[in-house]
Amino acid sequence: MTPTTPAEADLERRRQELAALLGRAEKGDRSALPALREALDANPAVWQRYGDLGEQALASLALLAAGPNLLLAESLGRKLAALKEELGGGSPSPLVRLLAARVTATWLQTAYYDGLLAQSAGAGEARLKLLQRQQDAAHRRHLAAVKTLATVTRLLRPPLSPVDVAARMGGAGGGRRHHAGPEPAGAAAGN
């Protein structure tokens, strides 16, 4: 899209300068460091996204799993984002956000190795054993991540108020509910 206003042209020029600066920095041009630091201070979204190695690893594994299939790559990216959102909840704490990302990553790893193992018909015994070990290790990491997320989520849940405790115990009557079934034989007659 060609800029139509001076403001759009200026924005496009600054975007191109930033892209060129980032390119120099990615290639190790140390002379770009002072300008890079200024640019990252002015654009925290860049360093937050680029510096998230968990996201980088997840994206790499998603690309590996999808291969050249663009439909799978796009769908997998959306599935991972939705899973992370579901696991983290509405406004998660930084710890829950990290753990939700870890559970998402280990879910993808486990599913990836499940797929590789399922497609390994005709592979040699050594290859099958390696895939089975990788699948088992991925599964253990996933279960550990899920357990940790569940534990932290439970620990971070606010404590119940006295009103909530009373409601759970059956209301203001003290909590014990009496059975209203038939009385044992002889009880009504005083025996």
C-alpha atoms as a PDB file:
ATOM      1  CA  MET A   1       0.000   0.000   0.000  1.00  0.00           C
ATOM      2  CA  THR A   2       1.401   3.371  -1.037  1.00  0.00           C
ATOM      3  CA  PRO A   3       1.213   6.085   1.650  1.00  0.00           C
ATOM      4  CA  THR A   4      -1.293   8.794   0.694  1.00  0.00           C
ATOM      5  CA  THR A   5      -0.682  11.405   3.395  1.00  0.00           C
ATOM      6  CA  PRO A   6       2.531  12.932   4.744  1.00  0.00           C
ATOM      7  CA  ALA A   7       1.870  11.251   8.115  1.00  0.00           C
ATOM      8  CA  GLU A   8       1.503   7.832   6.445  1.00  0.00           C
ATOM      9  CA  ALA A   9       4.673   8.452   4.425  1.00  0.00           C
ATOM     10  CA  ASP A  10       6.565   9.382   7.604  1.00  0.00           C
ATOM     11  CA  LEU A  11       5.272   6.280   9.393  1.00  0.00           C
ATOM     12  CA  GLU A  12       6.341   4.084   6.460  1.00  0.00           C
ATOM     13  CA  ARG A  13       9.799   5.701   6.382  1.00  0.00           C
ATOM     14  CA  ARG A  14      10.256   5.083  10.138  1.00  0.00           C
ATOM     15  CA  ARG A  15       9.100   1.468   9.747  1.00  0.00           C
ATOM     16  CA  GLN A  16      11.628   0.897   6.984  1.00  0.00           C
ATOM     17  CA  GLU A  17      14.415   2.494   9.064  1.00  0.00           C
ATOM     18  CA  LEU A  18      13.520   0.275  12.013  1.00  0.00           C
ATOM     19  CA  ALA A  19      13.474  -2.819   9.791  1.00  0.00           C
ATOM     20  CA  ALA A  20      16.908  -1.900   8.386  1.00  0.00           C
ATOM     21  CA  LEU A  21      18.268  -1.313  11.897  1.00  0.00           C
ATOM     22  CA  LEU A  22      16.892  -4.634  13.138  1.00  0.00           C
ATOM     23  CA  GLY A  23      18.392  -6.369  10.124  1.00  0.00           C
ATOM     24  CA  ARG A  24      21.817  -4.894  10.890  1.00  0.00           C
ATOM     25  CA  ALA A  25      21.510  -5.953  14.509  1.00  0.00           C
ATOM     26  CA  GLU A  26      20.495  -9.505  13.551  1.00  0.00           C
ATOM     27  CA  LYS A  27      23.661  -9.735  11.458  1.00  0.00           C
ATOM     28  CA  GLY A  28      25.806  -8.678  14.435  1.00  0.00           C
ATOM     29  CA  ASP A  29      26.617  -5.105  13.342  1.00  0.00           C
ATOM     30  CA  ARG A  30      27.882  -3.674  16.668  1.00  0.00           C
ATOM     31  CA  SER A  31      27.725  -0.113  15.320  1.00  0.00           C
ATOM     32  CA  ALA A  32      23.926  -0.492  15.341  1.00  0.00           C
ATOM     33  CA  LEU A  33      23.825  -1.111  19.108  1.00  0.00           C
ATOM     34  CA  PRO A  34      23.214   2.479  20.357  1.00  0.00           C
ATOM     35  CA  ALA A  35      20.418   3.051  17.830  1.00  0.00           C
ATOM     36  CA  LEU A  36      19.064  -0.437  18.544  1.00  0.00           C
ATOM     37  CA  ARG A  37      18.812   0.312  22.261  1.00  0.00           C
ATOM     38  CA  GLU A  38      16.925   3.529  21.550  1.00  0.00           C
ATOM     39  CA  ALA A  39      14.598   1.752  19.136  1.00  0.00           C
ATOM     40  CA  LEU A  40      13.864  -1.042  21.625  1.00  0.00           C
ATOM     41  CA  ASP A  41      13.186   1.510  24.373  1.00  0.00           C
ATOM     42  CA  ALA A  42      10.757   3.286  22.050  1.00  0.00           C
ATOM     43  CA  ASN A  43       9.157   0.042  20.807  1.00  0.00           C
ATOM     44  CA  PRO A  44       8.932  -2.431  23.722  1.00  0.00           C
ATOM     45  CA  ALA A  45       6.648  -4.730  21.726  1.00  0.00           C
ATOM     46  CA  VAL A  46       9.638  -5.540  19.500  1.00  0.00           C
ATOM     47  CA  TRP A  47      11.914  -6.775  22.286  1.00  0.00           C
ATOM     48  CA  GLN A  48       9.050  -8.438  24.139  1.00  0.00           C
ATOM     49  CA  ARG A  49       8.118 -10.488  21.073  1.00  0.00           C
ATOM     50  CA  TYR A  50      11.614 -11.091  19.731  1.00  0.00           C
ATOM     51  CA  GLY A  51      13.132 -11.879  23.121  1.00  0.00           C
ATOM     52  CA  ASP A  52      10.544 -14.485  24.064  1.00  0.00           C
ATOM     53  CA  LEU A  53      12.563 -17.647  23.465  1.00  0.00           C
ATOM     54  CA  GLY A  54       9.609 -19.799  24.520  1.00  0.00           C
ATOM     55  CA  GLU A  55       7.575 -18.306  21.682  1.00  0.00           C
ATOM     56  CA  GLN A  56      10.517 -18.686  19.315  1.00  0.00           C
ATOM     57  CA  ALA A  57      10.833 -22.372  20.205  1.00  0.00           C
ATOM     58  CA  LEU A  58       7.087 -22.911  19.888  1.00  0.00           C
ATOM     59  CA  ALA A  59       7.031 -21.241  16.481  1.00  0.00           C
ATOM     60  CA  SER A  60       9.984 -23.374  15.341  1.00  0.00           C
ATOM     61  CA  LEU A  61       8.305 -26.585  16.426  1.00  0.00           C
ATOM     62  CA  ALA A  62       5.015 -25.514  14.815  1.00  0.00           C
ATOM     63  CA  LEU A  63       6.849 -24.852  11.533  1.00  0.00           C
ATOM     64  CA  LEU A  64       8.570 -28.229  11.802  1.00  0.00           C
ATOM     65  CA  ALA A  65       5.260 -29.991  12.459  1.00  0.00           C
ATOM     66  CA  ALA A  66       3.447 -28.206   9.630  1.00  0.00           C
ATOM     67  CA  GLY A  67       6.204 -28.467   7.045  1.00  0.00           C
ATOM     68  CA  PRO A  68       5.171 -26.785   3.782  1.00  0.00           C
ATOM     69  CA  ASN A  69       1.440 -27.142   4.592  1.00  0.00           C
ATOM     70  CA  LEU A  70       0.288 -23.527   5.016  1.00  0.00           C
ATOM     71  CA  LEU A  71      -3.198 -24.532   6.147  1.00  0.00           C
ATOM     72  CA  LEU A  72      -1.746 -26.647   8.943  1.00  0.00           C
ATOM     73  CA  ALA A  73       0.783 -23.962   9.888  1.00  0.00           C
ATOM     74  CA  GLU A  74      -1.875 -21.250  10.142  1.00  0.00           C
ATOM     75  CA  SER A  75      -4.354 -23.514  11.935  1.00  0.00           C
ATOM     76  CA  LEU A  76      -1.708 -24.737  14.361  1.00  0.00           C
ATOM     77  CA  GLY A  77      -0.682 -21.176  15.188  1.00  0.00           C
ATOM     78  CA  ARG A  78      -4.286 -20.321  15.989  1.00  0.00           C
ATOM     79  CA  LYS A  79      -4.780 -23.521  18.001  1.00  0.00           C
ATOM     80  CA  LEU A  80      -1.691 -22.779  20.102  1.00  0.00           C
ATOM     81  CA  ALA A  81      -2.800 -19.198  20.756  1.00  0.00           C
ATOM     82  CA  ALA A  82      -6.303 -20.371  21.743  1.00  0.00           C
ATOM     83  CA  LEU A  83      -4.919 -23.102  24.002  1.00  0.00           C
ATOM     84  CA  LYS A  84      -2.617 -20.655  25.757  1.00  0.00           C
ATOM     85  CA  GLU A  85      -5.524 -18.245  26.257  1.00  0.00           C
ATOM     86  CA  GLU A  86      -7.774 -21.004  27.626  1.00  0.00           C
ATOM     87  CA  LEU A  87      -5.139 -22.235  30.038  1.00  0.00           C
ATOM     88  CA  GLY A  88      -4.149 -18.769  31.224  1.00  0.00           C
ATOM     89  CA  GLY A  89      -7.640 -17.429  31.760  1.00  0.00           C
ATOM     90  CA  GLY A  90      -8.787 -13.836  31.446  1.00  0.00           C
ATOM     91  CA  SER A  91      -5.959 -11.874  33.035  1.00  0.00           C
ATOM     92  CA  PRO A  92      -3.380 -14.377  34.281  1.00  0.00           C
ATOM     93  CA  SER A  93      -0.517 -13.586  36.599  1.00  0.00           C
ATOM     94  CA  PRO A  94       2.948 -13.616  35.005  1.00  0.00           C
ATOM     95  CA  LEU A  95       3.602 -17.046  36.543  1.00  0.00           C
ATOM     96  CA  VAL A  96       0.363 -18.536  35.210  1.00  0.00           C
ATOM     97  CA  ARG A  97       1.093 -16.984  31.808  1.00  0.00           C
ATOM     98  CA  LEU A  98       4.534 -18.673  31.764  1.00  0.00           C
ATOM     99  CA  LEU A  99       3.112 -22.010  32.866  1.00  0.00           C
ATOM    100  CA  ALA A 100       0.278 -21.842  30.312  1.00  0.00           C
ATOM    101  CA  ALA A 101       2.896 -21.236  27.619  1.00  0.00           C
ATOM    102  CA  ARG A 102       4.876 -24.228  28.886  1.00  0.00           C
ATOM    103  CA  VAL A 103       1.839 -26.506  28.884  1.00  0.00           C
ATOM    104  CA  THR A 104       1.088 -25.344  25.338  1.00  0.00           C
ATOM    105  CA  ALA A 105       4.651 -26.079  24.223  1.00  0.00           C
ATOM    106  CA  THR A 106       4.732 -29.510  25.835  1.00  0.00           C
ATOM    107  CA  TRP A 107       1.314 -30.319  24.342  1.00  0.00           C
ATOM    108  CA  LEU A 108       2.708 -29.555  20.885  1.00  0.00           C
ATOM    109  CA  GLN A 109       5.860 -31.594  21.543  1.00  0.00           C
ATOM    110  CA  THR A 110       3.830 -34.572  22.721  1.00  0.00           C
ATOM    111  CA  ALA A 111       1.455 -34.377  19.767  1.00  0.00           C
ATOM    112  CA  TYR A 112       4.387 -34.021  17.371  1.00  0.00           C
ATOM    113  CA  TYR A 113       6.075 -37.169  18.673  1.00  0.00           C
ATOM    114  CA  ASP A 114       2.743 -39.009  18.690  1.00  0.00           C
ATOM    115  CA  GLY A 115       2.451 -38.162  14.987  1.00  0.00           C
ATOM    116  CA  LEU A 116       6.011 -39.172  14.185  1.00  0.00           C
ATOM    117  CA  LEU A 117       5.553 -42.484  15.951  1.00  0.00           C
ATOM    118  CA  ALA A 118       2.255 -43.113  14.172  1.00  0.00           C
ATOM    119  CA  GLN A 119       3.919 -42.444  10.808  1.00  0.00           C
ATOM    120  CA  SER A 120       6.959 -44.614  11.513  1.00  0.00           C
ATOM    121  CA  ALA A 121       5.657 -47.819   9.928  1.00  0.00           C
ATOM    122  CA  GLY A 122       8.571 -49.593   8.326  1.00  0.00           C
ATOM    123  CA  ALA A 123      11.208 -47.759  10.348  1.00  0.00           C
ATOM    124  CA  GLY A 124      14.067 -49.714  11.825  1.00  0.00           C
ATOM    125  CA  GLU A 125      14.045 -50.919  15.408  1.00  0.00           C
ATOM    126  CA  ALA A 126      16.584 -48.303  16.539  1.00  0.00           C
ATOM    127  CA  ARG A 127      14.495 -45.495  15.033  1.00  0.00           C
ATOM    128  CA  LEU A 128      11.315 -46.816  16.674  1.00  0.00           C
ATOM    129  CA  LYS A 129      13.025 -47.020  20.075  1.00  0.00           C
ATOM    130  CA  LEU A 130      14.341 -43.483  19.721  1.00  0.00           C
ATOM    131  CA  LEU A 131      10.908 -42.150  18.775  1.00  0.00           C
ATOM    132  CA  GLN A 132       9.305 -44.026  21.678  1.00  0.00           C
ATOM    133  CA  ARG A 133      11.834 -42.547  24.139  1.00  0.00           C
ATOM    134  CA  GLN A 134      11.251 -39.057  22.729  1.00  0.00           C
ATOM    135  CA  GLN A 135       7.484 -39.514  22.933  1.00  0.00           C
ATOM    136  CA  ASP A 136       7.691 -40.801  26.512  1.00  0.00           C
ATOM    137  CA  ALA A 137       9.953 -37.915  27.558  1.00  0.00           C
ATOM    138  CA  ALA A 138       7.642 -35.361  25.911  1.00  0.00           C
ATOM    139  CA  HIS A 139       4.655 -36.932  27.661  1.00  0.00           C
ATOM    140  CA  ARG A 140       6.391 -36.778  31.065  1.00  0.00           C
ATOM    141  CA  ARG A 141       7.295 -33.115  30.516  1.00  0.00           C
ATOM    142  CA  HIS A 142       3.711 -32.375  29.512  1.00  0.00           C
ATOM    143  CA  LEU A 143       2.236 -34.075  32.573  1.00  0.00           C
ATOM    144  CA  ALA A 144       4.687 -32.247  34.842  1.00  0.00           C
ATOM    145  CA  ALA A 145       3.790 -28.905  33.231  1.00  0.00           C
ATOM    146  CA  VAL A 146       0.043 -29.595  33.549  1.00  0.00           C
ATOM    147  CA  LYS A 147       0.442 -30.602  37.199  1.00  0.00           C
ATOM    148  CA  THR A 148       2.488 -27.491  37.977  1.00  0.00           C
ATOM    149  CA  LEU A 149      -0.039 -25.212  36.277  1.00  0.00           C
ATOM    150  CA  ALA A 150      -2.919 -26.860  38.152  1.00  0.00           C
ATOM    151  CA  THR A 151      -1.092 -26.547  41.478  1.00  0.00           C
ATOM    152  CA  VAL A 152      -0.154 -22.902  40.969  1.00  0.00           C
ATOM    153  CA  THR A 153      -3.654 -22.024  39.762  1.00  0.00           C
ATOM    154  CA  ARG A 154      -5.147 -23.639  42.859  1.00  0.00           C
ATOM    155  CA  LEU A 155      -2.651 -21.897  45.172  1.00  0.00           C
ATOM    156  CA  LEU A 156      -3.279 -18.499  43.590  1.00  0.00           C
ATOM    157  CA  ARG A 157      -7.049 -18.805  43.949  1.00  0.00           C
ATOM    158  CA  PRO A 158      -8.288 -16.313  46.548  1.00  0.00           C
ATOM    159  CA  PRO A 159      -9.372 -17.863  49.838  1.00  0.00           C
ATOM    160  CA  LEU A 160     -13.074 -18.348  50.478  1.00  0.00           C
ATOM    161  CA  SER A 161     -14.838 -15.682  52.476  1.00  0.00           C
ATOM    162  CA  PRO A 162     -16.761 -16.688  55.626  1.00  0.00           C
ATOM    163  CA  VAL A 163     -19.994 -16.244  53.670  1.00  0.00           C
ATOM    164  CA  ASP A 164     -18.767 -18.658  50.968  1.00  0.00           C
ATOM    165  CA  VAL A 165     -17.694 -21.170  53.617  1.00  0.00           C
ATOM    166  CA  ALA A 166     -21.106 -20.987  55.295  1.00  0.00           C
ATOM    167  CA  ALA A 167     -22.874 -21.388  51.951  1.00  0.00           C
ATOM    168  CA  ARG A 168     -20.819 -24.480  51.162  1.00  0.00           C
ATOM    169  CA  MET A 169     -21.579 -25.943  54.573  1.00  0.00           C
ATOM    170  CA  GLY A 170     -25.299 -25.717  53.981  1.00  0.00           C
ATOM    171  CA  GLY A 171     -26.257 -22.230  55.011  1.00  0.00           C
ATOM    172  CA  ALA A 172     -26.777 -20.594  58.371  1.00  0.00           C
ATOM    173  CA  GLY A 173     -28.023 -23.787  60.067  1.00  0.00           C
ATOM    174  CA  GLY A 174     -24.536 -24.919  60.966  1.00  0.00           C
ATOM    175  CA  GLY A 175     -23.872 -27.060  57.977  1.00  0.00           C
ATOM    176  CA  ARG A 176     -25.221 -30.491  58.904  1.00  0.00           C
ATOM    177  CA  ARG A 177     -28.204 -31.624  56.985  1.00  0.00           C
ATOM    178  CA  HIS A 178     -30.520 -34.085  58.664  1.00  0.00           C
ATOM    179  CA  HIS A 179     -31.756 -37.083  56.794  1.00  0.00           C
ATOM    180  CA  ALA A 180     -35.515 -36.852  56.271  1.00  0.00           C
ATOM    181  CA  GLY A 181     -36.048 -40.504  55.427  1.00  0.00           C
ATOM    182  CA  PRO A 182     -38.281 -42.974  57.238  1.00  0.00           C
ATOM    183  CA  GLU A 183     -37.554 -43.643  60.876  1.00  0.00           C
ATOM    184  CA  PRO A 184     -36.289 -47.050  61.917  1.00  0.00           C
ATOM    185  CA  ALA A 185     -38.941 -49.541  62.967  1.00  0.00           C
ATOM    186  CA  GLY A 186     -39.976 -48.972  66.553  1.00  0.00           C
ATOM    187  CA  ALA A 187     -38.586 -45.445  66.782  1.00  0.00           C
ATOM    188  CA  ALA A 188     -41.963 -43.762  66.436  1.00  0.00           C
ATOM    189  CA  ALA A 189     -43.525 -46.051  69.054  1.00  0.00           C
ATOM    190  CA  GLY A 190     -40.834 -45.233  71.589  1.00  0.00           C
ATOM    191  CA  ASN A 191     -39.347 -48.738  71.604  1.00  0.00           C
END
